[in-house]
């Protein structure tokens, strides 16, 4: 049986709000997520999300606010594909600041999205900069959604 692959694109424009691509004919060459349908489950690979609204504007100035916005975006993609946050098996987290307060805020917000006993494997890396000015955090996620 061939593997069925589907790209999930929620962006309204080809530039996906990336300033360097606006007004050009160059598209942002990535999908919000890619779904691989297998006989018993679907694998969902969600691209890195930053805390922006539907217009590409960074929401909030704190790690707490931006983490919440990122997780809401990931949750929406999962819901669209028939999954929940508990289907996430791995996240990679990139932050531009890493201090005790920021780490505490990230985990406080995450605790409201993931059920105890269902926490995903996780990597956290500090980086110098993210794709959007003012963005403090980016998260990508991999999920396994049971066939239903």
C-alpha atoms as a PDB file:
ATOM      1  CA  UNK A   1       0.000   0.000   0.000  1.00  0.00           C
ATOM      2  CA  UNK A   2       1.531   3.358  -0.988  1.00  0.00           C
ATOM      3  CA  UNK A   3       2.074   5.970   1.682  1.00  0.00           C
ATOM      4  CA  UNK A   4      -0.394   8.830   1.437  1.00  0.00           C
ATOM      5  CA  UNK A   5       1.153  12.235   2.050  1.00  0.00           C
ATOM      6  CA  UNK A   6      -0.724  15.526   2.408  1.00  0.00           C
ATOM      7  CA  UNK A   7       0.638  19.018   2.911  1.00  0.00           C
ATOM      8  CA  UNK A   8      -1.386  21.291   5.188  1.00  0.00           C
ATOM      9  CA  UNK A   9      -1.198  24.966   4.303  1.00  0.00           C
ATOM     10  CA  UNK A  10      -3.229  27.497   6.261  1.00  0.00           C
ATOM     11  CA  UNK A  11      -1.459  30.645   5.069  1.00  0.00           C
ATOM     12  CA  UNK A  12      -3.418  33.197   3.077  1.00  0.00           C
ATOM     13  CA  UNK A  13      -0.485  34.352   0.963  1.00  0.00           C
ATOM     14  CA  UNK A  14       2.512  32.700  -0.639  1.00  0.00           C
ATOM     15  CA  UNK A  15       4.985  34.783   1.390  1.00  0.00           C
ATOM     16  CA  UNK A  16       3.482  33.468   4.664  1.00  0.00           C
ATOM     17  CA  UNK A  17       4.111  36.919   6.164  1.00  0.00           C
ATOM     18  CA  UNK A  18       7.888  36.699   5.731  1.00  0.00           C
ATOM     19  CA  UNK A  19       9.018  40.260   5.005  1.00  0.00           C
ATOM     20  CA  UNK A  20      11.888  39.199   2.730  1.00  0.00           C
ATOM     21  CA  UNK A  21       9.402  37.399   0.437  1.00  0.00           C
ATOM     22  CA  UNK A  22       6.581  39.958   0.358  1.00  0.00           C
ATOM     23  CA  UNK A  23       6.080  41.574  -3.021  1.00  0.00           C
ATOM     24  CA  UNK A  24       8.266  39.028  -4.799  1.00  0.00           C
ATOM     25  CA  UNK A  25       7.352  35.976  -6.809  1.00  0.00           C
ATOM     26  CA  UNK A  26       9.304  33.824  -4.368  1.00  0.00           C
ATOM     27  CA  UNK A  27       7.027  31.623  -2.257  1.00  0.00           C
ATOM     28  CA  UNK A  28       7.771  30.463   1.273  1.00  0.00           C
ATOM     29  CA  UNK A  29       8.685  26.872   0.498  1.00  0.00           C
ATOM     30  CA  UNK A  30       7.281  24.994   3.483  1.00  0.00           C
ATOM     31  CA  UNK A  31       3.960  23.697   4.773  1.00  0.00           C
ATOM     32  CA  UNK A  32       2.346  24.343   8.142  1.00  0.00           C
ATOM     33  CA  UNK A  33       2.339  20.586   8.569  1.00  0.00           C
ATOM     34  CA  UNK A  34       2.726  17.368   6.638  1.00  0.00           C
ATOM     35  CA  UNK A  35       0.443  14.399   7.285  1.00  0.00           C
ATOM     36  CA  UNK A  36       1.549  10.862   6.495  1.00  0.00           C
ATOM     37  CA  UNK A  37      -1.407   8.487   6.519  1.00  0.00           C
ATOM     38  CA  UNK A  38      -0.575   4.919   7.539  1.00  0.00           C
ATOM     39  CA  UNK A  39      -3.070   2.047   7.904  1.00  0.00           C
ATOM     40  CA  UNK A  40      -3.435   2.356  11.708  1.00  0.00           C
ATOM     41  CA  UNK A  41      -2.511   5.964  12.337  1.00  0.00           C
ATOM     42  CA  UNK A  42      -1.415   9.263  10.866  1.00  0.00           C
ATOM     43  CA  UNK A  43       1.918  10.902  11.506  1.00  0.00           C
ATOM     44  CA  UNK A  44       1.661  14.681  11.682  1.00  0.00           C
ATOM     45  CA  UNK A  45       4.806  16.803  11.426  1.00  0.00           C
ATOM     46  CA  UNK A  46       4.024  20.403  12.414  1.00  0.00           C
ATOM     47  CA  UNK A  47       6.442  23.115  11.303  1.00  0.00           C
ATOM     48  CA  UNK A  48       7.953  25.543  13.776  1.00  0.00           C
ATOM     49  CA  UNK A  49       5.343  28.020  14.978  1.00  0.00           C
ATOM     50  CA  UNK A  50       6.006  31.416  16.498  1.00  0.00           C
ATOM     51  CA  UNK A  51       3.516  33.448  18.509  1.00  0.00           C
ATOM     52  CA  UNK A  52       1.880  35.393  15.698  1.00  0.00           C
ATOM     53  CA  UNK A  53      -1.740  36.125  14.884  1.00  0.00           C
ATOM     54  CA  UNK A  54      -3.444  35.513  11.527  1.00  0.00           C
ATOM     55  CA  UNK A  55      -1.845  38.726  10.180  1.00  0.00           C
ATOM     56  CA  UNK A  56       1.683  37.624  11.094  1.00  0.00           C
ATOM     57  CA  UNK A  57       1.983  40.073  14.005  1.00  0.00           C
ATOM     58  CA  UNK A  58       3.762  38.798  17.124  1.00  0.00           C
ATOM     59  CA  UNK A  59       1.243  38.464  19.956  1.00  0.00           C
ATOM     60  CA  UNK A  60       2.401  39.458  23.420  1.00  0.00           C
ATOM     61  CA  UNK A  61       5.726  40.575  24.768  1.00  0.00           C
ATOM     62  CA  UNK A  62       6.271  37.923  27.423  1.00  0.00           C
ATOM     63  CA  UNK A  63       7.397  34.328  27.150  1.00  0.00           C
ATOM     64  CA  UNK A  64       4.100  33.277  28.755  1.00  0.00           C
ATOM     65  CA  UNK A  65       1.937  35.109  26.184  1.00  0.00           C
ATOM     66  CA  UNK A  66       3.931  33.919  23.199  1.00  0.00           C
ATOM     67  CA  UNK A  67       4.121  30.317  24.412  1.00  0.00           C
ATOM     68  CA  UNK A  68       0.336  30.279  24.790  1.00  0.00           C
ATOM     69  CA  UNK A  69      -0.136  31.666  21.266  1.00  0.00           C
ATOM     70  CA  UNK A  70       2.255  29.091  19.780  1.00  0.00           C
ATOM     71  CA  UNK A  71       0.513  26.202  21.528  1.00  0.00           C
ATOM     72  CA  UNK A  72      -2.911  27.486  20.419  1.00  0.00           C
ATOM     73  CA  UNK A  73      -1.709  27.439  16.809  1.00  0.00           C
ATOM     74  CA  UNK A  74      -0.379  23.887  17.193  1.00  0.00           C
ATOM     75  CA  UNK A  75      -3.616  22.822  18.915  1.00  0.00           C
ATOM     76  CA  UNK A  76      -5.666  24.252  16.016  1.00  0.00           C
ATOM     77  CA  UNK A  77      -3.688  22.279  13.429  1.00  0.00           C
ATOM     78  CA  UNK A  78      -4.098  19.103  15.466  1.00  0.00           C
ATOM     79  CA  UNK A  79      -7.853  19.670  15.826  1.00  0.00           C
ATOM     80  CA  UNK A  80      -8.159  20.275  12.081  1.00  0.00           C
ATOM     81  CA  UNK A  81      -6.467  16.918  11.504  1.00  0.00           C
ATOM     82  CA  UNK A  82      -8.510  15.012  14.102  1.00  0.00           C
ATOM     83  CA  UNK A  83      -5.937  15.036  16.877  1.00  0.00           C
ATOM     84  CA  UNK A  84      -5.333  16.524  20.306  1.00  0.00           C
ATOM     85  CA  UNK A  85      -2.326  17.827  22.195  1.00  0.00           C
ATOM     86  CA  UNK A  86      -2.032  14.386  23.824  1.00  0.00           C
ATOM     87  CA  UNK A  87      -1.211  12.958  20.379  1.00  0.00           C
ATOM     88  CA  UNK A  88       2.053  14.932  20.322  1.00  0.00           C
ATOM     89  CA  UNK A  89       5.032  12.646  20.898  1.00  0.00           C
ATOM     90  CA  UNK A  90       7.888  15.142  20.410  1.00  0.00           C
ATOM     91  CA  UNK A  91       8.448  18.889  20.500  1.00  0.00           C
ATOM     92  CA  UNK A  92      11.467  20.998  19.743  1.00  0.00           C
ATOM     93  CA  UNK A  93      11.502  24.376  21.464  1.00  0.00           C
ATOM     94  CA  UNK A  94      13.703  27.281  20.406  1.00  0.00           C
ATOM     95  CA  UNK A  95      13.961  30.375  22.605  1.00  0.00           C
ATOM     96  CA  UNK A  96      15.860  33.648  22.333  1.00  0.00           C
ATOM     97  CA  UNK A  97      16.109  34.079  26.087  1.00  0.00           C
ATOM     98  CA  UNK A  98      16.669  31.379  28.652  1.00  0.00           C
ATOM     99  CA  UNK A  99      16.568  32.335  32.281  1.00  0.00           C
ATOM    100  CA  UNK A 100      14.744  30.885  35.282  1.00  0.00           C
ATOM    101  CA  UNK A 101      11.655  33.067  34.818  1.00  0.00           C
ATOM    102  CA  UNK A 102      11.340  32.269  31.095  1.00  0.00           C
ATOM    103  CA  UNK A 103      11.768  28.543  31.709  1.00  0.00           C
ATOM    104  CA  UNK A 104       9.158  28.639  34.461  1.00  0.00           C
ATOM    105  CA  UNK A 105       6.687  30.513  32.211  1.00  0.00           C
ATOM    106  CA  UNK A 106       7.167  28.050  29.351  1.00  0.00           C
ATOM    107  CA  UNK A 107       6.480  25.057  31.586  1.00  0.00           C
ATOM    108  CA  UNK A 108       3.556  26.719  33.374  1.00  0.00           C
ATOM    109  CA  UNK A 109       1.850  27.289  30.031  1.00  0.00           C
ATOM    110  CA  UNK A 110       2.764  23.846  28.704  1.00  0.00           C
ATOM    111  CA  UNK A 111       1.246  22.218  31.793  1.00  0.00           C
ATOM    112  CA  UNK A 112      -2.143  23.578  30.702  1.00  0.00           C
ATOM    113  CA  UNK A 113      -1.898  21.917  27.282  1.00  0.00           C
ATOM    114  CA  UNK A 114      -0.407  18.483  27.977  1.00  0.00           C
ATOM    115  CA  UNK A 115      -1.976  15.868  30.251  1.00  0.00           C
ATOM    116  CA  UNK A 116       0.200  14.445  32.989  1.00  0.00           C
ATOM    117  CA  UNK A 117       1.488  11.069  31.870  1.00  0.00           C
ATOM    118  CA  UNK A 118       1.217  12.151  28.210  1.00  0.00           C
ATOM    119  CA  UNK A 119       4.099  14.607  28.118  1.00  0.00           C
ATOM    120  CA  UNK A 120       6.013  14.577  24.820  1.00  0.00           C
ATOM    121  CA  UNK A 121       9.724  14.050  24.408  1.00  0.00           C
ATOM    122  CA  UNK A 122      11.208  17.543  24.309  1.00  0.00           C
ATOM    123  CA  UNK A 123      14.293  19.457  23.284  1.00  0.00           C
ATOM    124  CA  UNK A 124      14.927  23.077  24.321  1.00  0.00           C
ATOM    125  CA  UNK A 125      17.581  25.153  22.572  1.00  0.00           C
ATOM    126  CA  UNK A 126      18.557  28.783  22.998  1.00  0.00           C
ATOM    127  CA  UNK A 127      19.111  30.608  19.707  1.00  0.00           C
ATOM    128  CA  UNK A 128      20.195  34.133  18.835  1.00  0.00           C
ATOM    129  CA  UNK A 129      17.198  35.018  16.697  1.00  0.00           C
ATOM    130  CA  UNK A 130      13.929  33.703  15.276  1.00  0.00           C
ATOM    131  CA  UNK A 131      12.279  34.435  11.914  1.00  0.00           C
ATOM    132  CA  UNK A 132      10.010  37.186  13.321  1.00  0.00           C
ATOM    133  CA  UNK A 133      11.358  40.258  15.081  1.00  0.00           C
ATOM    134  CA  UNK A 134      10.114  40.220  18.658  1.00  0.00           C
ATOM    135  CA  UNK A 135       9.481  36.471  18.692  1.00  0.00           C
ATOM    136  CA  UNK A 136      10.803  34.844  21.856  1.00  0.00           C
ATOM    137  CA  UNK A 137       9.843  31.214  21.226  1.00  0.00           C
ATOM    138  CA  UNK A 138       9.283  28.780  18.360  1.00  0.00           C
ATOM    139  CA  UNK A 139       7.957  25.250  18.750  1.00  0.00           C
ATOM    140  CA  UNK A 140       7.626  22.430  16.234  1.00  0.00           C
ATOM    141  CA  UNK A 141       5.822  19.185  16.992  1.00  0.00           C
ATOM    142  CA  UNK A 142       5.410  15.609  15.817  1.00  0.00           C
ATOM    143  CA  UNK A 143       2.179  13.754  16.539  1.00  0.00           C
ATOM    144  CA  UNK A 144       0.793  10.261  16.071  1.00  0.00           C
ATOM    145  CA  UNK A 145      -2.976  10.314  15.557  1.00  0.00           C
ATOM    146  CA  UNK A 146      -4.777   6.983  15.903  1.00  0.00           C
ATOM    147  CA  UNK A 147      -7.055   5.931  13.051  1.00  0.00           C
ATOM    148  CA  UNK A 148     -10.620   6.554  14.034  1.00  0.00           C
END
